[in-house]
Amino acid sequence: MGLSKQPVAVFPGSFDPFHLGHADIISRATQIFPRLIVGILENPSKQPVFTPNERLEMVRSLYAGDPAVEVRLFSGLLVNFLQQMQATVIIRGMRAVSDFEYEFQMALMNRRLSPSAETVFLTPKEEYSYLSSRMVREVAALGGDVTGLVPEPIRSLLEERMRS
């Protein structure tokens, strides 16, 4: 039985800021799926460090030369975004057992809302298994060095933003 159509995957998140754990998940996902859409969530209830458009441009610039990665903004239900993008797969990073319960509940809810949606959990390299955007923001806000936690272009933008 051959595959007539390659599945399109979506890696959703707020990515505020985008860090090397995110980059690692994207690298792993593009080894499995020929097309990956990084969906940057616009969530007006959060107080982000970077605006959705700033995050969009940052991540787009990192993947400008990669035809397998597309970066888009979305708001509302993820399953609606999947439908818009004609995607059927949701990529989620799983750092630790503590992530499992929440991610499992979200996967089941997404499947209930859209029975064709499948969630694929990927684990990052061990060196990124502790990394979260919240932790990176906290370190940066307290004047800590985030070198090696975020891509270099984002590091300078993050440090500049935290100084202002």
N, C-alpha and C. Protein backbone atom coordinates (compact mmCIF):
# COMPACT_ATOMS: atom_id res chain seq x y z
N MET A 1 0.86 -1.18 0.00
CA MET A 1 0.00 0.00 0.00
C MET A 1 0.90 1.23 0.00
N GLY A 2 0.85 2.04 -1.04
CA GLY A 2 1.67 3.25 -1.13
C GLY A 2 0.94 4.46 -0.59
N LEU A 3 1.72 5.43 -0.23
CA LEU A 3 1.14 6.70 0.24
C LEU A 3 0.87 7.59 -0.96
N SER A 4 -0.35 8.02 -1.10
CA SER A 4 -0.69 8.87 -2.23
C SER A 4 -0.39 10.33 -1.92
N LYS A 5 -0.39 10.65 -0.64
CA LYS A 5 -0.19 12.04 -0.26
C LYS A 5 0.65 12.09 1.01
N GLN A 6 1.69 12.88 0.99
CA GLN A 6 2.54 13.03 2.16
C GLN A 6 1.83 13.92 3.18
N PRO A 7 1.80 13.51 4.44
CA PRO A 7 1.11 14.33 5.45
C PRO A 7 1.87 15.63 5.74
N VAL A 8 1.09 16.66 6.00
CA VAL A 8 1.64 17.96 6.40
C VAL A 8 1.52 18.04 7.91
N ALA A 9 2.59 18.48 8.56
CA ALA A 9 2.62 18.56 10.02
C ALA A 9 2.67 20.02 10.46
N VAL A 10 2.08 20.27 11.62
CA VAL A 10 2.10 21.60 12.24
C VAL A 10 2.76 21.48 13.61
N PHE A 11 3.72 22.35 13.86
CA PHE A 11 4.36 22.46 15.17
C PHE A 11 3.88 23.77 15.78
N PRO A 12 2.86 23.70 16.66
CA PRO A 12 2.29 24.93 17.22
C PRO A 12 2.97 25.34 18.52
N GLY A 13 2.94 26.63 18.79
CA GLY A 13 3.46 27.13 20.07
C GLY A 13 3.47 28.63 20.10
N SER A 14 3.76 29.17 21.27
CA SER A 14 3.87 30.63 21.36
C SER A 14 5.29 31.07 20.98
N PHE A 15 6.28 30.23 21.23
CA PHE A 15 7.66 30.50 20.83
C PHE A 15 8.13 31.88 21.31
N ASP A 16 7.91 32.16 22.58
CA ASP A 16 8.24 33.48 23.15
C ASP A 16 9.20 33.35 24.33
N PRO A 17 10.48 33.24 24.05
CA PRO A 17 11.15 33.24 22.75
C PRO A 17 11.35 31.83 22.20
N PHE A 18 11.66 31.78 20.92
CA PHE A 18 12.05 30.55 20.25
C PHE A 18 13.41 30.15 20.80
N HIS A 19 13.57 28.88 21.19
CA HIS A 19 14.85 28.45 21.77
C HIS A 19 15.37 27.21 21.04
N LEU A 20 16.54 26.75 21.46
CA LEU A 20 17.19 25.65 20.75
C LEU A 20 16.45 24.32 20.91
N GLY A 21 15.65 24.16 21.94
CA GLY A 21 14.80 22.98 22.04
C GLY A 21 13.76 22.96 20.93
N HIS A 22 13.19 24.13 20.63
CA HIS A 22 12.25 24.24 19.52
C HIS A 22 12.96 23.89 18.21
N ALA A 23 14.17 24.43 18.02
CA ALA A 23 14.92 24.17 16.79
C ALA A 23 15.21 22.68 16.65
N ASP A 24 15.51 22.01 17.76
CA ASP A 24 15.78 20.58 17.72
C ASP A 24 14.53 19.79 17.31
N ILE A 25 13.38 20.16 17.84
CA ILE A 25 12.13 19.48 17.47
C ILE A 25 11.83 19.70 15.98
N ILE A 26 12.06 20.91 15.48
CA ILE A 26 11.86 21.18 14.05
C ILE A 26 12.79 20.30 13.21
N SER A 27 14.04 20.18 13.62
CA SER A 27 14.99 19.34 12.90
C SER A 27 14.52 17.89 12.87
N ARG A 28 14.04 17.39 14.00
CA ARG A 28 13.56 16.01 14.06
C ARG A 28 12.29 15.83 13.22
N ALA A 29 11.38 16.79 13.30
CA ALA A 29 10.12 16.68 12.55
C ALA A 29 10.35 16.69 11.05
N THR A 30 11.29 17.50 10.58
CA THR A 30 11.53 17.57 9.13
C THR A 30 12.27 16.34 8.61
N GLN A 31 12.78 15.52 9.49
CA GLN A 31 13.34 14.23 9.05
C GLN A 31 12.21 13.22 8.80
N ILE A 32 11.05 13.49 9.37
CA ILE A 32 9.91 12.57 9.25
C ILE A 32 8.88 13.07 8.23
N PHE A 33 8.64 14.39 8.24
CA PHE A 33 7.60 14.98 7.40
C PHE A 33 8.23 15.90 6.37
N PRO A 34 7.82 15.81 5.11
CA PRO A 34 8.42 16.64 4.06
C PRO A 34 8.04 18.11 4.17
N ARG A 35 6.94 18.40 4.88
CA ARG A 35 6.51 19.80 5.03
C ARG A 35 6.08 20.01 6.47
N LEU A 36 6.66 21.03 7.09
CA LEU A 36 6.34 21.37 8.47
C LEU A 36 5.96 22.84 8.54
N ILE A 37 4.82 23.09 9.15
CA ILE A 37 4.38 24.47 9.37
C ILE A 37 4.57 24.78 10.85
N VAL A 38 5.37 25.78 11.12
CA VAL A 38 5.54 26.25 12.49
C VAL A 38 4.42 27.28 12.71
N GLY A 39 3.48 26.94 13.58
CA GLY A 39 2.33 27.80 13.84
C GLY A 39 2.55 28.61 15.10
N ILE A 40 2.72 29.90 14.94
CA ILE A 40 2.96 30.78 16.09
C ILE A 40 1.62 31.30 16.57
N LEU A 41 1.29 30.92 17.79
CA LEU A 41 0.00 31.26 18.38
C LEU A 41 -0.05 32.72 18.81
N GLU A 42 -1.09 33.39 18.36
CA GLU A 42 -1.39 34.75 18.83
C GLU A 42 -2.35 34.58 20.01
N ASN A 43 -1.86 34.84 21.21
CA ASN A 43 -2.68 34.69 22.40
C ASN A 43 -2.74 36.02 23.14
N PRO A 44 -3.82 36.80 22.93
CA PRO A 44 -3.90 38.12 23.53
C PRO A 44 -3.97 38.13 25.06
N SER A 45 -4.26 36.98 25.67
CA SER A 45 -4.36 36.95 27.13
C SER A 45 -2.99 36.88 27.81
N LYS A 46 -1.95 36.56 27.05
CA LYS A 46 -0.60 36.50 27.61
C LYS A 46 0.12 37.83 27.40
N GLN A 47 1.10 38.09 28.24
CA GLN A 47 1.95 39.27 28.11
C GLN A 47 3.29 38.83 27.52
N PRO A 48 3.39 38.75 26.19
CA PRO A 48 4.62 38.23 25.59
C PRO A 48 5.76 39.24 25.62
N VAL A 49 6.97 38.72 25.53
CA VAL A 49 8.15 39.56 25.39
C VAL A 49 8.18 40.16 23.98
N PHE A 50 7.84 39.31 22.99
CA PHE A 50 7.84 39.74 21.60
C PHE A 50 6.42 39.65 21.05
N THR A 51 6.08 40.57 20.17
CA THR A 51 4.76 40.54 19.54
C THR A 51 4.69 39.32 18.61
N PRO A 52 3.48 38.91 18.26
CA PRO A 52 3.37 37.78 17.32
C PRO A 52 4.13 38.04 16.02
N ASN A 53 4.05 39.25 15.48
CA ASN A 53 4.76 39.53 14.23
C ASN A 53 6.28 39.50 14.40
N GLU A 54 6.77 39.94 15.56
CA GLU A 54 8.21 39.86 15.82
C GLU A 54 8.65 38.39 15.88
N ARG A 55 7.87 37.56 16.56
CA ARG A 55 8.19 36.13 16.65
C ARG A 55 8.14 35.49 15.27
N LEU A 56 7.13 35.87 14.48
CA LEU A 56 7.01 35.35 13.11
C LEU A 56 8.26 35.67 12.31
N GLU A 57 8.68 36.93 12.34
CA GLU A 57 9.86 37.33 11.57
C GLU A 57 11.14 36.67 12.08
N MET A 58 11.27 36.53 13.40
CA MET A 58 12.47 35.87 13.96
C MET A 58 12.58 34.44 13.47
N VAL A 59 11.49 33.69 13.59
CA VAL A 59 11.53 32.27 13.22
C VAL A 59 11.64 32.13 11.70
N ARG A 60 10.94 32.98 10.96
CA ARG A 60 11.07 32.94 9.49
C ARG A 60 12.51 33.17 9.06
N SER A 61 13.18 34.12 9.69
CA SER A 61 14.56 34.41 9.29
C SER A 61 15.48 33.22 9.56
N LEU A 62 15.20 32.45 10.61
CA LEU A 62 16.02 31.28 10.92
C LEU A 62 15.86 30.17 9.87
N TYR A 63 14.68 30.09 9.26
CA TYR A 63 14.38 29.00 8.32
C TYR A 63 14.18 29.50 6.89
N ALA A 64 14.68 30.68 6.59
CA ALA A 64 14.48 31.28 5.27
C ALA A 64 14.98 30.39 4.13
N GLY A 65 16.05 29.66 4.35
CA GLY A 65 16.60 28.82 3.28
C GLY A 65 16.11 27.39 3.30
N ASP A 66 15.15 27.07 4.14
CA ASP A 66 14.68 25.69 4.27
C ASP A 66 13.29 25.54 3.66
N PRO A 67 13.19 24.93 2.47
CA PRO A 67 11.89 24.81 1.81
C PRO A 67 10.90 23.89 2.55
N ALA A 68 11.38 23.09 3.49
CA ALA A 68 10.49 22.18 4.22
C ALA A 68 9.76 22.88 5.36
N VAL A 69 10.23 24.07 5.76
CA VAL A 69 9.65 24.76 6.92
C VAL A 69 8.96 26.05 6.49
N GLU A 70 7.71 26.16 6.90
CA GLU A 70 6.92 27.37 6.65
C GLU A 70 6.50 27.90 8.02
N VAL A 71 6.49 29.21 8.18
CA VAL A 71 6.14 29.80 9.47
C VAL A 71 4.92 30.68 9.29
N ARG A 72 3.89 30.44 10.13
CA ARG A 72 2.63 31.18 10.03
C ARG A 72 2.14 31.58 11.41
N LEU A 73 1.35 32.64 11.46
CA LEU A 73 0.64 33.02 12.68
C LEU A 73 -0.72 32.35 12.67
N PHE A 74 -1.23 32.04 13.87
CA PHE A 74 -2.62 31.58 13.96
C PHE A 74 -3.19 31.97 15.31
N SER A 75 -4.50 32.01 15.37
CA SER A 75 -5.20 32.24 16.64
C SER A 75 -6.40 31.31 16.66
N GLY A 76 -6.95 31.12 17.83
CA GLY A 76 -8.10 30.24 17.93
C GLY A 76 -7.70 28.79 18.07
N LEU A 77 -8.61 27.91 17.69
CA LEU A 77 -8.38 26.48 17.85
C LEU A 77 -7.32 25.96 16.87
N LEU A 78 -6.44 25.15 17.41
CA LEU A 78 -5.40 24.53 16.59
C LEU A 78 -6.01 23.68 15.47
N VAL A 79 -7.08 22.95 15.76
CA VAL A 79 -7.67 22.09 14.73
C VAL A 79 -8.20 22.91 13.55
N ASN A 80 -8.65 24.12 13.80
CA ASN A 80 -9.08 24.99 12.70
C ASN A 80 -7.89 25.41 11.85
N PHE A 81 -6.77 25.69 12.51
CA PHE A 81 -5.54 26.04 11.78
C PHE A 81 -5.06 24.84 10.95
N LEU A 82 -5.12 23.65 11.53
CA LEU A 82 -4.75 22.45 10.78
C LEU A 82 -5.58 22.33 9.50
N GLN A 83 -6.89 22.54 9.65
CA GLN A 83 -7.78 22.44 8.50
C GLN A 83 -7.41 23.48 7.44
N GLN A 84 -7.16 24.73 7.88
CA GLN A 84 -6.75 25.80 6.95
C GLN A 84 -5.50 25.41 6.17
N MET A 85 -4.55 24.79 6.88
CA MET A 85 -3.26 24.45 6.28
C MET A 85 -3.28 23.10 5.57
N GLN A 86 -4.44 22.44 5.59
CA GLN A 86 -4.59 21.10 5.02
C GLN A 86 -3.57 20.13 5.64
N ALA A 87 -3.41 20.25 6.95
CA ALA A 87 -2.49 19.41 7.70
C ALA A 87 -3.28 18.42 8.53
N THR A 88 -2.65 17.29 8.85
CA THR A 88 -3.32 16.27 9.66
C THR A 88 -2.50 15.88 10.88
N VAL A 89 -1.28 16.36 10.98
CA VAL A 89 -0.39 15.95 12.06
C VAL A 89 0.00 17.14 12.91
N ILE A 90 -0.07 16.95 14.22
CA ILE A 90 0.37 17.95 15.20
C ILE A 90 1.66 17.44 15.82
N ILE A 91 2.68 18.26 15.79
CA ILE A 91 3.97 17.91 16.41
C ILE A 91 4.02 18.59 17.78
N ARG A 92 4.34 17.82 18.79
CA ARG A 92 4.52 18.38 20.14
C ARG A 92 5.82 17.86 20.71
N GLY A 93 6.54 18.76 21.36
CA GLY A 93 7.76 18.37 22.05
C GLY A 93 7.41 17.84 23.43
N MET A 94 8.07 16.79 23.82
CA MET A 94 7.84 16.18 25.13
C MET A 94 9.19 16.17 25.85
N ARG A 95 9.32 17.09 26.82
CA ARG A 95 10.60 17.21 27.51
C ARG A 95 10.76 16.21 28.64
N ALA A 96 9.71 16.01 29.40
CA ALA A 96 9.81 15.16 30.59
C ALA A 96 8.46 14.52 30.86
N VAL A 97 8.45 13.58 31.78
CA VAL A 97 7.21 12.92 32.16
C VAL A 97 6.18 13.95 32.62
N SER A 98 6.63 15.02 33.24
CA SER A 98 5.72 16.06 33.73
C SER A 98 4.91 16.70 32.60
N ASP A 99 5.40 16.69 31.37
CA ASP A 99 4.67 17.22 30.22
C ASP A 99 3.56 16.29 29.77
N PHE A 100 3.69 15.00 30.09
CA PHE A 100 2.83 14.00 29.47
C PHE A 100 1.34 14.20 29.72
N GLU A 101 0.94 14.42 30.96
CA GLU A 101 -0.49 14.49 31.26
C GLU A 101 -1.18 15.60 30.48
N TYR A 102 -0.61 16.80 30.50
CA TYR A 102 -1.19 17.92 29.78
C TYR A 102 -1.21 17.64 28.27
N GLU A 103 -0.08 17.21 27.73
CA GLU A 103 0.01 16.97 26.29
C GLU A 103 -0.93 15.86 25.84
N PHE A 104 -1.08 14.82 26.66
CA PHE A 104 -1.98 13.72 26.34
C PHE A 104 -3.42 14.21 26.30
N GLN A 105 -3.81 15.03 27.28
CA GLN A 105 -5.17 15.58 27.30
C GLN A 105 -5.42 16.45 26.07
N MET A 106 -4.44 17.28 25.71
CA MET A 106 -4.59 18.13 24.52
C MET A 106 -4.71 17.28 23.26
N ALA A 107 -3.92 16.23 23.15
CA ALA A 107 -3.98 15.36 21.97
C ALA A 107 -5.36 14.71 21.85
N LEU A 108 -5.90 14.26 22.98
CA LEU A 108 -7.22 13.64 22.94
C LEU A 108 -8.31 14.66 22.59
N MET A 109 -8.21 15.87 23.14
CA MET A 109 -9.20 16.90 22.81
C MET A 109 -9.11 17.27 21.33
N ASN A 110 -7.90 17.43 20.82
CA ASN A 110 -7.75 17.76 19.40
C ASN A 110 -8.32 16.66 18.52
N ARG A 111 -8.11 15.40 18.92
CA ARG A 111 -8.67 14.28 18.15
C ARG A 111 -10.19 14.27 18.23
N ARG A 112 -10.73 14.65 19.37
CA ARG A 112 -12.19 14.71 19.50
C ARG A 112 -12.77 15.80 18.60
N LEU A 113 -12.08 16.95 18.56
CA LEU A 113 -12.55 18.07 17.73
C LEU A 113 -12.34 17.81 16.25
N SER A 114 -11.29 17.04 15.94
CA SER A 114 -10.98 16.74 14.54
C SER A 114 -10.43 15.31 14.49
N PRO A 115 -11.31 14.32 14.22
CA PRO A 115 -10.89 12.92 14.25
C PRO A 115 -9.71 12.58 13.34
N SER A 116 -9.47 13.38 12.31
CA SER A 116 -8.34 13.08 11.42
C SER A 116 -7.01 13.62 11.96
N ALA A 117 -7.04 14.40 13.04
CA ALA A 117 -5.81 14.97 13.61
C ALA A 117 -5.06 13.93 14.42
N GLU A 118 -3.81 13.75 14.11
CA GLU A 118 -2.93 12.85 14.86
C GLU A 118 -1.84 13.69 15.51
N THR A 119 -1.51 13.35 16.74
CA THR A 119 -0.44 14.05 17.44
C THR A 119 0.78 13.15 17.52
N VAL A 120 1.93 13.70 17.15
CA VAL A 120 3.20 12.98 17.22
C VAL A 120 4.06 13.70 18.26
N PHE A 121 4.49 12.95 19.26
CA PHE A 121 5.33 13.50 20.31
C PHE A 121 6.79 13.22 19.98
N LEU A 122 7.61 14.26 20.02
CA LEU A 122 9.04 14.12 19.78
C LEU A 122 9.80 14.61 21.00
N THR A 123 10.88 13.95 21.31
CA THR A 123 11.70 14.39 22.43
C THR A 123 12.94 15.10 21.91
N PRO A 124 13.33 16.18 22.59
CA PRO A 124 14.54 16.89 22.16
C PRO A 124 15.79 16.18 22.65
N LYS A 125 16.93 16.63 22.18
CA LYS A 125 18.20 16.16 22.72
C LYS A 125 18.18 16.36 24.23
N GLU A 126 18.89 15.49 24.92
CA GLU A 126 18.91 15.56 26.38
C GLU A 126 19.34 16.94 26.88
N GLU A 127 20.26 17.57 26.18
CA GLU A 127 20.76 18.89 26.62
C GLU A 127 19.70 19.98 26.58
N TYR A 128 18.58 19.72 25.90
CA TYR A 128 17.48 20.70 25.84
C TYR A 128 16.25 20.24 26.63
N SER A 129 16.34 19.11 27.30
CA SER A 129 15.15 18.54 27.94
C SER A 129 14.62 19.38 29.10
N TYR A 130 15.40 20.28 29.62
CA TYR A 130 14.96 21.14 30.73
C TYR A 130 14.50 22.51 30.23
N LEU A 131 14.71 22.78 28.97
CA LEU A 131 14.55 24.12 28.42
C LEU A 131 13.09 24.46 28.12
N SER A 132 12.67 25.64 28.56
CA SER A 132 11.33 26.15 28.23
C SER A 132 11.46 27.64 27.95
N SER A 133 10.51 28.17 27.20
CA SER A 133 10.51 29.60 26.92
C SER A 133 10.40 30.41 28.20
N ARG A 134 9.57 29.92 29.13
CA ARG A 134 9.41 30.62 30.41
C ARG A 134 10.75 30.73 31.14
N MET A 135 11.50 29.63 31.16
CA MET A 135 12.79 29.64 31.84
C MET A 135 13.77 30.59 31.15
N VAL A 136 13.78 30.58 29.84
CA VAL A 136 14.67 31.48 29.09
C VAL A 136 14.30 32.93 29.38
N ARG A 137 13.01 33.25 29.40
CA ARG A 137 12.57 34.62 29.71
C ARG A 137 13.03 35.03 31.11
N GLU A 138 12.88 34.13 32.08
CA GLU A 138 13.27 34.44 33.45
C GLU A 138 14.77 34.70 33.57
N VAL A 139 15.57 33.85 32.94
CA VAL A 139 17.02 34.03 32.98
C VAL A 139 17.40 35.36 32.34
N ALA A 140 16.82 35.65 31.18
CA ALA A 140 17.12 36.90 30.48
C ALA A 140 16.66 38.11 31.28
N ALA A 141 15.48 38.02 31.89
CA ALA A 141 14.95 39.15 32.67
C ALA A 141 15.82 39.45 33.88
N LEU A 142 16.49 38.43 34.41
CA LEU A 142 17.35 38.63 35.58
C LEU A 142 18.80 38.92 35.19
N GLY A 143 19.02 39.14 33.89
CA GLY A 143 20.36 39.52 33.41
C GLY A 143 21.29 38.36 33.17
N GLY A 144 20.77 37.14 33.17
CA GLY A 144 21.60 35.97 32.92
C GLY A 144 21.94 35.80 31.46
N ASP A 145 22.96 35.02 31.21
CA ASP A 145 23.44 34.76 29.85
C ASP A 145 22.63 33.62 29.23
N VAL A 146 21.96 33.89 28.13
CA VAL A 146 21.16 32.86 27.45
C VAL A 146 21.88 32.29 26.22
N THR A 147 23.18 32.53 26.13
CA THR A 147 23.98 31.95 25.06
C THR A 147 23.87 30.43 25.15
N GLY A 148 23.64 29.78 24.02
CA GLY A 148 23.50 28.33 24.01
C GLY A 148 22.10 27.84 24.34
N LEU A 149 21.19 28.77 24.64
CA LEU A 149 19.80 28.41 24.91
C LEU A 149 18.88 28.81 23.77
N VAL A 150 19.24 29.88 23.08
CA VAL A 150 18.45 30.40 21.96
C VAL A 150 19.39 30.62 20.77
N PRO A 151 18.86 30.60 19.55
CA PRO A 151 19.71 30.92 18.40
C PRO A 151 20.33 32.32 18.58
N GLU A 152 21.53 32.48 18.11
CA GLU A 152 22.28 33.72 18.32
C GLU A 152 21.52 35.00 17.92
N PRO A 153 20.86 35.04 16.74
CA PRO A 153 20.14 36.28 16.41
C PRO A 153 19.04 36.61 17.42
N ILE A 154 18.43 35.60 17.98
CA ILE A 154 17.36 35.82 18.97
C ILE A 154 17.95 36.23 20.31
N ARG A 155 19.14 35.71 20.64
CA ARG A 155 19.80 36.09 21.89
C ARG A 155 19.99 37.59 21.96
N SER A 156 20.53 38.19 20.92
CA SER A 156 20.77 39.63 20.96
C SER A 156 19.47 40.42 21.03
N LEU A 157 18.44 39.98 20.31
CA LEU A 157 17.15 40.67 20.37
C LEU A 157 16.51 40.53 21.75
N LEU A 158 16.64 39.37 22.35
CA LEU A 158 16.08 39.13 23.68
C LEU A 158 16.80 39.98 24.73
N GLU A 159 18.11 40.00 24.68
CA GLU A 159 18.87 40.81 25.65
C GLU A 159 18.55 42.28 25.50
N GLU A 160 18.43 42.74 24.26
CA GLU A 160 18.09 44.13 24.00
C GLU A 160 16.69 44.45 24.55
N ARG A 161 15.73 43.57 24.33
CA ARG A 161 14.37 43.77 24.79
C ARG A 161 14.31 43.81 26.32
N MET A 162 15.09 42.96 26.96
CA MET A 162 15.07 42.91 28.42
C MET A 162 15.73 44.15 29.05
N ARG A 163 16.64 44.75 28.32
CA ARG A 163 17.29 45.98 28.83
C ARG A 163 16.37 47.20 28.75
N SER A 164 15.42 47.16 27.81
CA SER A 164 14.56 48.34 27.60
C SER A 164 13.34 48.35 28.49
